[in-house]
Amino acid sequence: MIKVGLFSLGCPKNLVVSEIMLGLFSLPPFRGTSRMEEAEVITVNTCAFLEEARRESRAAIRRLASLKNKNCRLLVVAGCLVQYQDASRARALPEADLLIADYHLDDGHNGVDAVARINARRSTPLPALMLTANYSNELKQQLRDLGPTLMPKPVRPMKLQTALCPPPEGGAGMAGSRDS
């Protein structure tokens, strides 16, 4: 079983998304834990509504990143901070190992562009999971060309496991494909 910790910040909408994530993380092969120091995978569901929320999200990411030297093998950053639309303020998120973004964002924006803004500020791009209910061949091809891995909604636990945790012996899991 893979122990997963979830740290949620922000509004009631974020809380609902976090509860959905907890539901996924309660199914095999995952086991949720409220003790972040025990987690092998830590997911931070961030908020970016106000500057203070963005500061709080970045501080939580830095604090939880300190656990990567203990049990934690993967720090996943999801939520509004990943999808924040102000390109001039996009942060590199140096502590993150994986991003999760929704493909469909407000005002005609998309998660692919949001992840690209973060990766433009990094020396090594972060892998990303792109959540969507759009199964069009056009979108599948676009994501193949640009790099994010398509994660169809509803998310299935085994598909999420494959994305979060590489198979034994250096298989092709997303988290294991990143250069350290």
C-alpha atoms as a PDB file:
ATOM      1  CA  MET A   1       0.000   0.000   0.000  1.00  0.00           C
ATOM      2  CA  ILE A   2       1.149   3.499  -0.833  1.00  0.00           C
ATOM      3  CA  LYS A   3       0.676   5.937   2.038  1.00  0.00           C
ATOM      4  CA  VAL A   4      -0.661   9.256   0.777  1.00  0.00           C
ATOM      5  CA  GLY A   5      -1.002  12.485   2.725  1.00  0.00           C
ATOM      6  CA  LEU A   6      -3.218  15.323   1.552  1.00  0.00           C
ATOM      7  CA  PHE A   7      -2.841  18.916   2.687  1.00  0.00           C
ATOM      8  CA  SER A   8      -5.721  21.148   1.582  1.00  0.00           C
ATOM      9  CA  LEU A   9      -5.838  24.928   1.502  1.00  0.00           C
ATOM     10  CA  GLY A  10      -8.465  27.390   0.419  1.00  0.00           C
ATOM     11  CA  CYS A  11     -12.153  27.699  -0.224  1.00  0.00           C
ATOM     12  CA  PRO A  12     -15.079  25.274   0.139  1.00  0.00           C
ATOM     13  CA  LYS A  13     -14.658  24.292  -3.539  1.00  0.00           C
ATOM     14  CA  ASN A  14     -11.083  23.202  -2.796  1.00  0.00           C
ATOM     15  CA  LEU A  15     -12.333  21.260   0.210  1.00  0.00           C
ATOM     16  CA  VAL A  16     -14.746  19.336  -2.052  1.00  0.00           C
ATOM     17  CA  VAL A  17     -11.914  18.557  -4.499  1.00  0.00           C
ATOM     18  CA  SER A  18      -9.739  17.454  -1.579  1.00  0.00           C
ATOM     19  CA  GLU A  19     -12.510  15.170  -0.325  1.00  0.00           C
ATOM     20  CA  ILE A  20     -12.707  13.590  -3.798  1.00  0.00           C
ATOM     21  CA  MET A  21      -8.926  13.070  -3.714  1.00  0.00           C
ATOM     22  CA  LEU A  22      -9.210  11.516  -0.250  1.00  0.00           C
ATOM     23  CA  GLY A  23     -11.822   9.148  -1.637  1.00  0.00           C
ATOM     24  CA  LEU A  24      -9.382   8.047  -4.347  1.00  0.00           C
ATOM     25  CA  PHE A  25      -6.579   7.741  -1.816  1.00  0.00           C
ATOM     26  CA  SER A  26      -8.712   5.487   0.386  1.00  0.00           C
ATOM     27  CA  LEU A  27      -8.924   2.818  -2.341  1.00  0.00           C
ATOM     28  CA  PRO A  28      -6.239   0.213  -3.018  1.00  0.00           C
ATOM     29  CA  PRO A  29      -3.358   0.582  -3.761  1.00  0.00           C
ATOM     30  CA  PHE A  30      -3.460   3.735  -1.642  1.00  0.00           C
ATOM     31  CA  ARG A  31      -3.902   4.292   2.048  1.00  0.00           C
ATOM     32  CA  GLY A  32      -4.478   7.794   3.348  1.00  0.00           C
ATOM     33  CA  THR A  33      -2.637   9.127   6.344  1.00  0.00           C
ATOM     34  CA  SER A  34      -3.100  12.335   8.294  1.00  0.00           C
ATOM     35  CA  ARG A  35       0.503  12.113   9.497  1.00  0.00           C
ATOM     36  CA  MET A  36       2.475  13.772   6.711  1.00  0.00           C
ATOM     37  CA  GLU A  37       5.783  12.433   8.060  1.00  0.00           C
ATOM     38  CA  GLU A  38       4.512   8.878   7.293  1.00  0.00           C
ATOM     39  CA  ALA A  39       3.382   9.663   3.733  1.00  0.00           C
ATOM     40  CA  GLU A  40       5.244   8.325   0.712  1.00  0.00           C
ATOM     41  CA  VAL A  41       3.303  10.703  -1.527  1.00  0.00           C
ATOM     42  CA  ILE A  42       2.206  14.129  -0.308  1.00  0.00           C
ATOM     43  CA  THR A  43      -0.355  16.073  -2.309  1.00  0.00           C
ATOM     44  CA  VAL A  44      -0.866  19.772  -1.622  1.00  0.00           C
ATOM     45  CA  ASN A  45      -4.170  21.130  -2.926  1.00  0.00           C
ATOM     46  CA  THR A  46      -3.364  24.834  -3.170  1.00  0.00           C
ATOM     47  CA  CYS A  47      -5.302  28.093  -3.232  1.00  0.00           C
ATOM     48  CA  ALA A  48      -4.404  31.208  -5.224  1.00  0.00           C
ATOM     49  CA  PHE A  49      -7.468  33.418  -4.866  1.00  0.00           C
ATOM     50  CA  LEU A  50      -5.642  36.211  -3.002  1.00  0.00           C
ATOM     51  CA  GLU A  51      -1.951  37.037  -2.655  1.00  0.00           C
ATOM     52  CA  GLU A  52      -2.093  35.930   0.985  1.00  0.00           C
ATOM     53  CA  ALA A  53      -3.476  32.527  -0.132  1.00  0.00           C
ATOM     54  CA  ARG A  54      -0.686  32.206  -2.701  1.00  0.00           C
ATOM     55  CA  ARG A  55       1.916  32.945   0.014  1.00  0.00           C
ATOM     56  CA  GLU A  56       0.289  30.409   2.342  1.00  0.00           C
ATOM     57  CA  SER A  57       0.264  27.769  -0.416  1.00  0.00           C
ATOM     58  CA  ARG A  58       3.949  28.328  -1.252  1.00  0.00           C
ATOM     59  CA  ALA A  59       4.850  28.187   2.460  1.00  0.00           C
ATOM     60  CA  ALA A  60       2.965  24.883   2.863  1.00  0.00           C
ATOM     61  CA  ILE A  61       4.771  23.439  -0.177  1.00  0.00           C
ATOM     62  CA  ARG A  62       8.159  24.447   1.257  1.00  0.00           C
ATOM     63  CA  ARG A  63       7.268  23.047   4.700  1.00  0.00           C
ATOM     64  CA  LEU A  64       6.038  19.725   3.296  1.00  0.00           C
ATOM     65  CA  ALA A  65       9.037  19.490   0.944  1.00  0.00           C
ATOM     66  CA  SER A  66      11.217  19.145   4.044  1.00  0.00           C
ATOM     67  CA  LEU A  67       9.660  15.684   4.491  1.00  0.00           C
ATOM     68  CA  LYS A  68      11.068  14.488   1.160  1.00  0.00           C
ATOM     69  CA  ASN A  69      14.231  13.381   2.935  1.00  0.00           C
ATOM     70  CA  LYS A  70      12.195  11.086   5.190  1.00  0.00           C
ATOM     71  CA  ASN A  71       9.449   8.770   3.829  1.00  0.00           C
ATOM     72  CA  CYS A  72       8.134  11.072   1.132  1.00  0.00           C
ATOM     73  CA  ARG A  73       9.261  10.164  -2.399  1.00  0.00           C
ATOM     74  CA  LEU A  74       6.903  12.474  -4.275  1.00  0.00           C
ATOM     75  CA  LEU A  75       5.504  15.949  -3.615  1.00  0.00           C
ATOM     76  CA  VAL A  76       2.473  16.602  -5.809  1.00  0.00           C
ATOM     77  CA  VAL A  77       1.149  20.141  -6.219  1.00  0.00           C
ATOM     78  CA  ALA A  78      -2.435  20.564  -7.394  1.00  0.00           C
ATOM     79  CA  GLY A  79      -5.130  23.206  -7.300  1.00  0.00           C
ATOM     80  CA  CYS A  80      -5.378  26.884  -7.985  1.00  0.00           C
ATOM     81  CA  LEU A  81      -1.709  27.805  -7.542  1.00  0.00           C
ATOM     82  CA  VAL A  82      -0.771  25.495 -10.428  1.00  0.00           C
ATOM     83  CA  GLN A  83      -3.533  26.987 -12.543  1.00  0.00           C
ATOM     84  CA  TYR A  84      -2.932  30.629 -11.549  1.00  0.00           C
ATOM     85  CA  GLN A  85      -3.394  32.809 -14.622  1.00  0.00           C
ATOM     86  CA  ASP A  86      -1.035  35.731 -13.933  1.00  0.00           C
ATOM     87  CA  ALA A  87       1.936  34.740 -16.093  1.00  0.00           C
ATOM     88  CA  SER A  88       4.116  37.484 -14.605  1.00  0.00           C
ATOM     89  CA  ARG A  89       3.708  35.895 -11.164  1.00  0.00           C
ATOM     90  CA  ALA A  90       3.922  32.218 -12.111  1.00  0.00           C
ATOM     91  CA  ARG A  91       6.378  30.524  -9.799  1.00  0.00           C
ATOM     92  CA  ALA A  92       8.763  27.742 -10.657  1.00  0.00           C
ATOM     93  CA  LEU A  93       7.610  25.585  -7.699  1.00  0.00           C
ATOM     94  CA  PRO A  94      11.118  24.134  -7.221  1.00  0.00           C
ATOM     95  CA  GLU A  95      10.011  21.761  -4.454  1.00  0.00           C
ATOM     96  CA  ALA A  96       7.362  19.981  -6.544  1.00  0.00           C
ATOM     97  CA  ASP A  97       7.893  16.635  -8.270  1.00  0.00           C
ATOM     98  CA  LEU A  98       4.592  16.523 -10.147  1.00  0.00           C
ATOM     99  CA  LEU A  99       1.808  18.974 -11.058  1.00  0.00           C
ATOM    100  CA  ILE A 100      -1.888  18.205 -11.385  1.00  0.00           C
ATOM    101  CA  ALA A 101      -4.040  20.649 -13.342  1.00  0.00           C
ATOM    102  CA  ASP A 102      -7.510  20.669 -14.790  1.00  0.00           C
ATOM    103  CA  TYR A 103      -7.513  21.144 -18.552  1.00  0.00           C
ATOM    104  CA  HIS A 104     -10.574  23.420 -18.601  1.00  0.00           C
ATOM    105  CA  LEU A 105     -10.008  26.652 -16.678  1.00  0.00           C
ATOM    106  CA  ASP A 106     -11.996  29.885 -16.496  1.00  0.00           C
ATOM    107  CA  ASP A 107     -12.139  32.518 -19.227  1.00  0.00           C
ATOM    108  CA  GLY A 108     -10.962  30.231 -22.023  1.00  0.00           C
ATOM    109  CA  HIS A 109      -7.635  29.384 -20.341  1.00  0.00           C
ATOM    110  CA  ASN A 110      -6.349  25.832 -20.071  1.00  0.00           C
ATOM    111  CA  GLY A 111      -4.159  23.794 -17.769  1.00  0.00           C
ATOM    112  CA  VAL A 112      -1.603  23.036 -20.490  1.00  0.00           C
ATOM    113  CA  ASP A 113      -0.719  26.730 -20.727  1.00  0.00           C
ATOM    114  CA  ALA A 114      -0.655  27.067 -16.931  1.00  0.00           C
ATOM    115  CA  VAL A 115       1.817  24.176 -16.587  1.00  0.00           C
ATOM    116  CA  ALA A 116       3.891  25.613 -19.460  1.00  0.00           C
ATOM    117  CA  ARG A 117       4.183  28.937 -17.574  1.00  0.00           C
ATOM    118  CA  ILE A 118       5.547  27.139 -14.502  1.00  0.00           C
ATOM    119  CA  ASN A 119       7.919  24.998 -16.554  1.00  0.00           C
ATOM    120  CA  ALA A 120       9.201  28.047 -18.473  1.00  0.00           C
ATOM    121  CA  ARG A 121      10.713  29.218 -15.170  1.00  0.00           C
ATOM    122  CA  ARG A 122      12.443  25.902 -14.433  1.00  0.00           C
ATOM    123  CA  SER A 123      15.655  24.385 -15.731  1.00  0.00           C
ATOM    124  CA  THR A 124      14.003  20.943 -15.799  1.00  0.00           C
ATOM    125  CA  PRO A 125      10.284  20.771 -16.634  1.00  0.00           C
ATOM    126  CA  LEU A 126       7.961  19.105 -14.174  1.00  0.00           C
ATOM    127  CA  PRO A 127       5.781  16.236 -15.329  1.00  0.00           C
ATOM    128  CA  ALA A 128       2.065  16.994 -15.164  1.00  0.00           C
ATOM    129  CA  LEU A 129      -1.231  15.182 -15.056  1.00  0.00           C
ATOM    130  CA  MET A 130      -3.954  16.955 -17.013  1.00  0.00           C
ATOM    131  CA  LEU A 131      -7.432  16.128 -15.726  1.00  0.00           C
ATOM    132  CA  THR A 132     -10.260  16.329 -18.244  1.00  0.00           C
ATOM    133  CA  ALA A 133     -13.575  14.850 -19.294  1.00  0.00           C
ATOM    134  CA  ASN A 134     -12.718  15.733 -22.909  1.00  0.00           C
ATOM    135  CA  TYR A 135     -11.719  12.541 -24.714  1.00  0.00           C
ATOM    136  CA  SER A 136     -11.286  14.037 -28.177  1.00  0.00           C
ATOM    137  CA  ASN A 137      -8.496  12.730 -30.384  1.00  0.00           C
ATOM    138  CA  GLU A 138      -7.426  16.346 -30.974  1.00  0.00           C
ATOM    139  CA  LEU A 139      -6.831  16.926 -27.253  1.00  0.00           C
ATOM    140  CA  LYS A 140      -5.099  13.566 -26.839  1.00  0.00           C
ATOM    141  CA  GLN A 141      -2.702  14.472 -29.663  1.00  0.00           C
ATOM    142  CA  GLN A 142      -2.110  17.974 -28.263  1.00  0.00           C
ATOM    143  CA  LEU A 143      -1.203  16.551 -24.859  1.00  0.00           C
ATOM    144  CA  ARG A 144       1.064  13.920 -26.429  1.00  0.00           C
ATOM    145  CA  ASP A 145       2.885  16.696 -28.316  1.00  0.00           C
ATOM    146  CA  LEU A 146       3.195  19.001 -25.288  1.00  0.00           C
ATOM    147  CA  GLY A 147       4.040  16.486 -22.595  1.00  0.00           C
ATOM    148  CA  PRO A 148       1.322  16.427 -19.889  1.00  0.00           C
ATOM    149  CA  THR A 149      -0.231  13.031 -19.284  1.00  0.00           C
ATOM    150  CA  LEU A 150      -3.973  12.847 -19.893  1.00  0.00           C
ATOM    151  CA  MET A 151      -5.903  11.685 -16.836  1.00  0.00           C
ATOM    152  CA  PRO A 152      -9.528  11.134 -17.850  1.00  0.00           C
ATOM    153  CA  LYS A 153     -12.295  11.948 -15.397  1.00  0.00           C
ATOM    154  CA  PRO A 154     -13.421  10.125 -13.404  1.00  0.00           C
ATOM    155  CA  VAL A 155      -9.915   9.273 -12.239  1.00  0.00           C
ATOM    156  CA  ARG A 156      -9.318   5.575 -11.618  1.00  0.00           C
ATOM    157  CA  PRO A 157      -7.078   4.611  -8.671  1.00  0.00           C
ATOM    158  CA  MET A 158      -4.874   2.205 -10.638  1.00  0.00           C
ATOM    159  CA  LYS A 159      -4.271   4.779 -13.378  1.00  0.00           C
ATOM    160  CA  LEU A 160      -3.388   7.327 -10.693  1.00  0.00           C
ATOM    161  CA  GLN A 161      -1.003   4.819  -9.092  1.00  0.00           C
ATOM    162  CA  THR A 162       0.749   4.280 -12.416  1.00  0.00           C
ATOM    163  CA  ALA A 163       1.155   8.033 -12.794  1.00  0.00           C
ATOM    164  CA  LEU A 164       2.330   8.676  -9.238  1.00  0.00           C
ATOM    165  CA  CYS A 165       4.559   5.687  -8.638  1.00  0.00           C
ATOM    166  CA  PRO A 166       6.841   4.122 -11.210  1.00  0.00           C
ATOM    167  CA  PRO A 167       6.661   0.384 -11.679  1.00  0.00           C
ATOM    168  CA  PRO A 168       9.519  -1.601 -10.131  1.00  0.00           C
ATOM    169  CA  GLU A 169      12.852  -1.676 -11.916  1.00  0.00           C
ATOM    170  CA  GLY A 170      12.680   1.784 -13.483  1.00  0.00           C
ATOM    171  CA  GLY A 171       9.473   1.390 -15.469  1.00  0.00           C
ATOM    172  CA  ALA A 172       7.693   4.253 -17.166  1.00  0.00           C
ATOM    173  CA  GLY A 173       5.709   5.776 -14.293  1.00  0.00           C
ATOM    174  CA  MET A 174       5.530   9.548 -14.582  1.00  0.00           C
ATOM    175  CA  ALA A 175       7.121  10.394 -11.268  1.00  0.00           C
ATOM    176  CA  GLY A 176      10.085   8.206 -12.076  1.00  0.00           C
ATOM    177  CA  SER A 177      10.648   9.752 -15.486  1.00  0.00           C
ATOM    178  CA  ARG A 178      11.826  13.113 -14.170  1.00  0.00           C
ATOM    179  CA  ASP A 179      15.547  13.841 -14.113  1.00  0.00           C
ATOM    180  CA  SER A 180      16.755  14.649 -10.613  1.00  0.00           C
END
